[in-house]
Protein backbone atom coordinates (compact mmCIF):
# COMPACT_ATOMS: atom_id res chain seq x y z
CA MET A 1 -33.09 167.72 87.07
CA LEU A 2 -31.02 165.33 85.43
CA HIS A 3 -28.47 166.97 83.49
CA PRO A 4 -27.77 166.06 79.81
CA PHE A 5 -24.13 164.00 80.42
CA THR A 6 -20.83 166.52 80.12
CA ARG A 7 -17.78 166.59 81.26
CA ASP A 8 -17.52 170.44 81.24
CA ARG A 9 -16.80 171.11 85.28
CA ASP A 10 -18.22 174.67 85.34
CA GLU A 11 -21.31 173.24 83.98
CA ILE A 12 -21.43 170.81 86.33
CA ALA A 13 -20.74 173.47 89.01
CA ALA A 14 -23.67 175.40 88.03
CA LEU A 15 -26.11 172.59 88.14
CA GLU A 16 -28.68 172.98 90.67
CA PHE A 17 -28.99 170.78 93.84
CA GLN A 18 -32.00 168.74 94.22
CA HIS A 19 -33.33 169.51 97.92
CA LEU A 20 -34.94 166.76 99.81
CA GLU A 21 -36.85 167.83 103.24
CA ASP A 22 -35.48 164.87 104.55
CA TYR A 23 -32.03 162.60 103.83
CA THR A 24 -34.72 159.22 103.64
CA GLN A 25 -36.32 160.95 100.64
CA PHE A 26 -32.97 159.99 98.34
CA ASP A 27 -34.32 158.76 95.11
CA PRO A 28 -31.82 159.29 92.28
CA VAL A 29 -32.79 159.17 88.77
CA HIS A 30 -32.39 156.21 86.60
CA GLY A 31 -31.32 157.39 83.53
CA ASN A 32 -28.03 158.28 82.18
CA GLY A 33 -26.83 161.99 83.54
CA ILE A 34 -25.45 163.87 86.36
CA THR A 35 -27.91 164.92 89.44
CA LYS A 36 -27.26 166.87 92.68
CA TYR A 37 -28.74 166.13 96.01
CA SER A 38 -29.13 167.84 99.13
CA GLY A 39 -30.86 166.14 101.96
CA ASN A 40 -31.59 167.80 105.36
CA LEU A 41 -30.12 165.93 108.34
CA ASP A 42 -31.27 168.42 110.95
CA ASP A 43 -31.15 172.07 111.34
CA ALA A 44 -27.40 171.90 111.58
CA ALA A 45 -26.39 170.23 108.09
CA THR A 46 -27.13 168.89 105.02
CA LEU A 47 -26.13 165.51 103.26
CA ASP A 48 -24.73 166.69 99.76
CA ALA A 49 -24.10 164.12 96.94
CA LEU A 50 -23.24 164.58 93.25
CA PHE A 51 -24.38 161.34 91.09
CA VAL A 52 -22.89 160.53 87.48
CA ASN A 53 -25.16 157.88 86.23
CA GLN A 54 -23.52 155.74 83.47
CA ARG A 55 -25.87 152.70 83.53
CA SER A 56 -22.56 150.54 84.25
CA ASP A 57 -22.16 147.45 86.11
CA THR A 58 -19.69 149.59 88.49
CA LEU A 59 -20.71 152.02 90.86
CA ILE A 60 -17.27 154.11 92.36
CA VAL A 61 -17.92 156.19 95.79
CA SER A 62 -15.50 158.86 96.70
CA CYS A 63 -14.62 160.73 99.95
CA HIS A 64 -12.69 163.27 100.37
CA GLY A 65 -10.09 164.13 103.53
CA ALA A 66 -9.20 166.93 105.38
CA LEU A 67 -10.01 170.44 103.48
CA PRO A 68 -8.46 173.81 104.06
CA ARG A 69 -11.60 175.57 104.92
CA LYS A 70 -10.60 179.38 103.88
CA ALA A 71 -10.03 177.99 100.52
CA THR A 72 -12.69 175.55 100.00
CA VAL A 73 -16.44 175.94 99.41
CA LEU A 74 -18.43 173.38 100.49
CA PRO A 75 -19.32 170.44 99.57
CA ARG A 76 -16.09 169.17 98.27
CA PHE A 77 -16.53 166.25 95.46
CA GLU A 78 -13.22 164.60 95.26
CA ARG A 79 -11.77 162.95 92.23
CA LEU A 80 -14.61 163.70 90.07
CA ARG A 81 -12.27 164.51 87.37
CA THR A 82 -10.59 161.23 87.39
CA PHE A 83 -14.09 159.24 87.11
CA LEU A 84 -15.82 162.06 84.62
CA ASN A 85 -13.25 160.06 82.23
CA THR A 86 -14.15 156.63 82.98
CA PRO A 87 -17.15 154.08 82.19
CA TYR A 88 -18.34 154.18 85.44
CA SER A 89 -20.94 155.52 87.49
CA SER A 90 -19.66 157.36 89.96
CA LEU A 91 -21.27 158.87 93.68
CA TYR A 92 -19.19 161.90 95.23
CA PHE A 93 -20.21 162.89 99.09
CA GLY A 94 -19.26 165.99 100.96
CA ASP A 95 -18.89 165.35 104.58
CA PRO A 96 -21.72 167.06 106.23
CA THR A 97 -20.19 167.09 109.38
CA LEU A 98 -17.95 169.90 108.28
CA HIS A 99 -21.50 172.23 108.26
CA LEU A 100 -21.24 172.22 112.12
CA SER A 101 -18.04 174.70 112.24
CA GLU A 102 -15.68 176.28 109.98
CA GLN A 103 -13.14 175.39 112.55
CA VAL A 104 -13.30 171.61 111.37
CA SER A 105 -11.12 170.76 108.71
CA LEU A 106 -11.50 166.89 109.14
CA ALA A 107 -14.53 164.75 110.56
CA TRP A 108 -13.99 161.34 109.03
CA TYR A 109 -17.83 161.48 107.85
CA THR A 110 -18.32 159.96 111.60
CA GLY A 111 -21.10 162.35 111.92
CA TRP A 112 -22.06 163.73 115.60
CA LYS A 113 -23.19 162.52 118.82
CA GLU A 114 -26.84 161.91 117.96
CA LEU A 115 -26.23 160.90 114.13
CA ASP A 116 -24.06 157.98 113.21
CA LEU A 117 -23.33 159.01 109.44
CA TYR A 118 -22.21 155.55 108.18
CA PRO A 119 -25.46 153.77 107.95
CA ILE A 120 -26.88 156.61 105.89
CA LEU A 121 -24.22 157.01 103.57
CA ALA A 122 -24.45 153.58 103.27
CA ARG A 123 -28.02 153.61 102.57
CA TRP A 124 -27.77 156.46 99.68
CA VAL A 125 -24.78 154.52 97.98
CA THR A 126 -27.41 151.34 97.83
CA SER A 127 -29.91 153.39 96.05
CA ALA A 128 -27.25 154.94 93.60
CA ALA A 129 -26.38 151.14 92.93
CA ALA A 130 -29.97 150.52 92.31
CA ALA A 131 -30.20 153.44 90.01
CA SER A 132 -27.24 152.75 87.92
CA GLY A 133 -27.80 149.40 87.64
CA ALA A 134 -24.45 148.33 89.18
CA SER A 135 -23.63 145.21 90.91
CA ARG A 136 -20.55 146.12 92.46
CA ILE A 137 -19.56 148.83 94.60
CA VAL A 138 -15.94 150.44 95.22
CA PHE A 139 -15.35 153.17 97.62
CA LEU A 140 -12.41 155.09 97.33
CA GLY A 141 -10.70 157.59 99.45
CA SER A 142 -7.34 159.08 100.86
CA SER A 143 -6.29 159.89 104.21
CA GLY A 144 -9.87 160.73 105.83
CA GLY A 145 -11.61 159.71 103.02
CA GLY A 146 -10.03 156.56 103.27
CA PHE A 147 -11.04 155.93 106.67
CA ALA A 148 -14.71 156.43 105.77
CA SER A 149 -14.19 154.19 102.54
CA LEU A 150 -13.33 151.19 105.02
CA GLN A 151 -16.28 152.48 107.36
CA ILE A 152 -19.23 152.64 104.93
CA SER A 153 -17.91 149.81 102.89
CA ALA A 154 -17.97 147.35 105.79
CA LEU A 155 -21.73 148.35 105.81
CA ILE A 156 -22.57 147.00 102.41
CA PRO A 157 -22.01 143.13 101.67
CA GLY A 158 -19.81 142.34 98.40
CA SER A 159 -18.64 145.70 98.15
CA MET A 160 -15.07 147.23 98.36
CA ALA A 161 -12.76 149.56 99.75
CA ILE A 162 -9.73 151.09 98.48
CA PRO A 163 -8.42 153.37 100.98
CA LEU A 164 -5.41 155.68 100.15
CA ASN A 165 -3.06 155.72 102.72
CA PRO A 166 -5.64 156.45 105.58
CA GLN A 167 -6.04 156.59 108.99
CA THR A 168 -7.40 153.58 111.07
CA ALA A 169 -8.31 154.99 114.53
CA ILE A 170 -9.16 158.57 114.42
CA TRP A 171 -7.43 159.34 117.71
CA LYS A 172 -3.91 157.66 116.16
CA TYR A 173 -4.24 160.99 113.84
CA GLN A 174 -1.60 163.09 115.40
CA PRO A 175 0.50 164.55 112.41
CA SER A 176 3.65 165.89 113.66
CA GLY A 177 2.79 165.73 117.35
CA ASN A 178 0.05 168.04 116.34
CA LEU A 179 -3.24 167.31 118.02
CA GLY A 180 -5.21 170.46 116.80
CA TYR A 181 -7.40 168.01 114.26
CA ALA A 182 -8.48 165.87 117.35
CA ARG A 183 -8.96 169.20 119.51
CA ASN A 184 -11.10 170.65 117.20
CA TYR A 185 -13.07 167.54 116.60
CA ILE A 186 -13.90 167.03 120.04
CA LYS A 187 -14.66 170.89 120.74
CA HIS A 188 -17.05 171.29 117.63
CA ILE A 189 -18.58 167.95 117.02
CA MET A 190 -18.15 165.47 119.83
CA PRO A 191 -17.88 168.21 122.85
CA HIS A 192 -19.11 165.03 124.95
CA LEU A 193 -15.87 163.82 124.99
CA THR A 194 -14.40 166.67 126.25
CA PRO A 195 -11.81 165.84 129.22
CA VAL A 196 -12.15 167.32 132.58
CA GLY A 197 -10.19 170.54 132.38
CA GLY A 198 -10.93 170.88 128.72
CA VAL A 199 -9.66 170.27 125.05
CA ARG A 200 -5.96 170.81 126.30
CA GLU A 201 -5.99 167.81 128.47
CA ILE A 202 -5.93 165.21 125.87
CA MET A 203 -3.23 163.72 125.42
CA PRO A 204 -1.33 161.78 122.87
CA ASP A 205 -1.37 158.50 124.05
CA VAL A 206 -4.78 158.17 125.35
CA ASP A 207 -7.60 157.10 123.08
CA TRP A 208 -10.09 159.53 123.72
CA SER A 209 -12.38 158.20 120.84
CA GLU A 210 -13.05 155.09 122.83
CA PRO A 211 -16.74 155.84 123.69
CA LEU A 212 -17.55 155.98 120.18
CA GLY A 213 -16.98 152.48 119.35
CA ASP A 214 -16.63 151.27 115.98
CA ARG A 215 -17.47 154.86 114.61
CA ALA A 216 -14.04 156.20 115.33
CA SER A 217 -11.78 152.89 114.47
CA ALA A 218 -11.42 150.53 111.81
CA ILE A 219 -8.97 148.51 113.66
CA SER A 220 -11.94 147.65 115.81
CA ARG A 221 -14.75 147.46 113.18
CA TYR A 222 -12.42 144.89 110.99
CA ASP A 223 -11.88 143.07 114.00
CA GLN A 224 -15.02 141.49 113.42
CA PRO A 225 -16.32 139.60 110.58
CA VAL A 226 -17.69 141.49 107.86
CA GLU A 227 -18.93 140.94 104.09
CA ASN A 228 -16.67 143.16 101.89
CA TYR A 229 -13.09 143.61 100.63
CA VAL A 230 -10.55 146.10 101.23
CA PHE A 231 -7.52 146.61 99.08
CA TYR A 232 -5.38 148.60 101.50
CA ALA A 233 -2.75 151.02 99.25
CA GLN A 234 -0.09 152.60 101.88
CA ASN A 235 3.08 154.60 101.05
CA LEU A 236 5.92 153.50 102.85
CA ASN A 237 7.70 156.82 102.91
CA ASP A 238 4.71 158.06 104.97
CA VAL A 239 6.34 157.08 108.26
CA ALA A 240 3.58 158.65 110.79
CA HIS A 241 0.75 156.36 108.65
CA ARG A 242 2.82 153.30 108.05
CA GLU A 243 3.44 152.95 112.06
CA ASP A 244 0.32 154.19 113.42
CA HIS A 245 -2.60 153.27 110.94
CA TYR A 246 -1.25 150.70 108.72
CA LEU A 247 0.68 148.49 110.70
CA LEU A 248 -1.35 148.32 113.67
CA PHE A 249 -4.67 147.39 111.31
CA ARG A 250 -2.32 144.93 109.53
CA LYS A 251 -1.24 143.32 112.35
CA LYS A 252 -4.65 143.13 113.65
CA THR A 253 -6.41 141.97 110.79
CA GLU A 254 -4.24 139.48 109.12
CA THR A 255 -4.72 136.96 112.14
CA GLY A 256 -8.32 138.15 112.22
CA PRO A 257 -11.36 136.42 110.80
CA ASN A 258 -11.34 138.78 107.64
CA ARG A 259 -7.87 138.03 106.51
CA GLU A 260 -9.03 136.29 103.03
CA ARG A 261 -11.01 139.31 102.50
CA ILE A 262 -8.18 142.10 102.66
CA ARG A 263 -5.13 142.31 100.36
CA TYR A 264 -2.46 144.99 100.73
CA PHE A 265 -0.57 147.27 98.17
CA THR A 266 2.80 149.05 99.28
CA TYR A 267 4.65 151.15 97.34
CA GLU A 268 7.81 153.97 97.52
CA GLY A 269 6.36 157.15 97.04
CA GLN A 270 6.83 160.81 98.63
CA HIS A 271 8.42 161.04 101.96
CA THR A 272 5.14 163.08 103.25
CA HIS A 273 1.53 162.00 103.64
CA THR A 274 0.00 162.69 100.08
CA SER A 275 -2.27 160.85 97.49
CA PRO A 276 -0.10 158.57 94.90
CA LYS A 277 1.08 159.88 91.86
CA PRO A 278 -1.10 159.03 88.82
CA ASP A 279 0.63 156.04 87.73
CA ILE A 280 0.83 154.62 91.13
CA PHE A 281 -3.09 155.24 91.32
CA SER A 282 -3.66 153.79 88.21
CA GLU A 283 -1.69 150.45 89.13
CA ILE A 284 -3.49 150.42 92.50
CA MET A 285 -7.11 150.88 90.62
CA ALA A 286 -6.02 148.15 88.19
CA ASP A 287 -5.16 145.78 90.58
CA ALA A 288 -7.98 146.09 92.99
CA LEU A 289 -10.33 145.92 89.98
CA SER A 290 -8.76 142.76 88.77
CA TRP A 291 -8.99 141.17 92.30
CA PHE A 292 -12.65 142.18 92.46
CA ASN A 293 -13.34 140.61 89.05
CA GLU A 294 -12.18 137.51 90.32
CA MET A 295 -15.15 137.27 93.18
């Protein structure tokens, strides 16, 4: 049911989900207000979303990154507080892949072997844009959410992705040499990728995700012509993401077919992997939306 517009987070948290027997039934309300939706993907997971419809020309779509599972109740709707205080409509997705196992804290919104989630998410986004009257769609996410923003935006012509210090190839995400994310993902989400000998046989220099193709690599996806735009923000002091994700993506795309569709924003942030501070975030959004307005 449509909720009268509110900025009270407790009221939003208490708002009941509209349960859909099948995710294809998503048909968001066109009037101003806030609604929640939960659509069945299969017996194991639901696609959960929160939609803030302000009947604006711009729809912001937010995806989250890794979650501390013991301290997080699913679904997680990231940056809700940020965009409630703007005139934009906004759509927030929890990653349904995490429903498959409490041991998995990051799954990049890929879905699982039998289900490619990105086209489904793109379908929900275009429905929400139509319901809000938005002609511009902006995807936003940090880290793993940034990876998802790159992937979904590529499926919606004319949209823009604003990834913040994202991964660009999931097999390369090895924080401090830790392969735990990869091993948990393979064990609980993509067991068909398990090497002979088990997940402990995963090596840091081997691309175990190759059978997933573009689903597991934004570098591969953007090596082919796309019809969206990217405003890529990178903290130069986040050394691992600068070296293993940003530079590899930039090297590939600057000579590729999408070079005119991608811009880069670099900044000197904290010496760790974290979201940009509010002043930097505001600058990123302002520059990205200014470029989008020129199109």
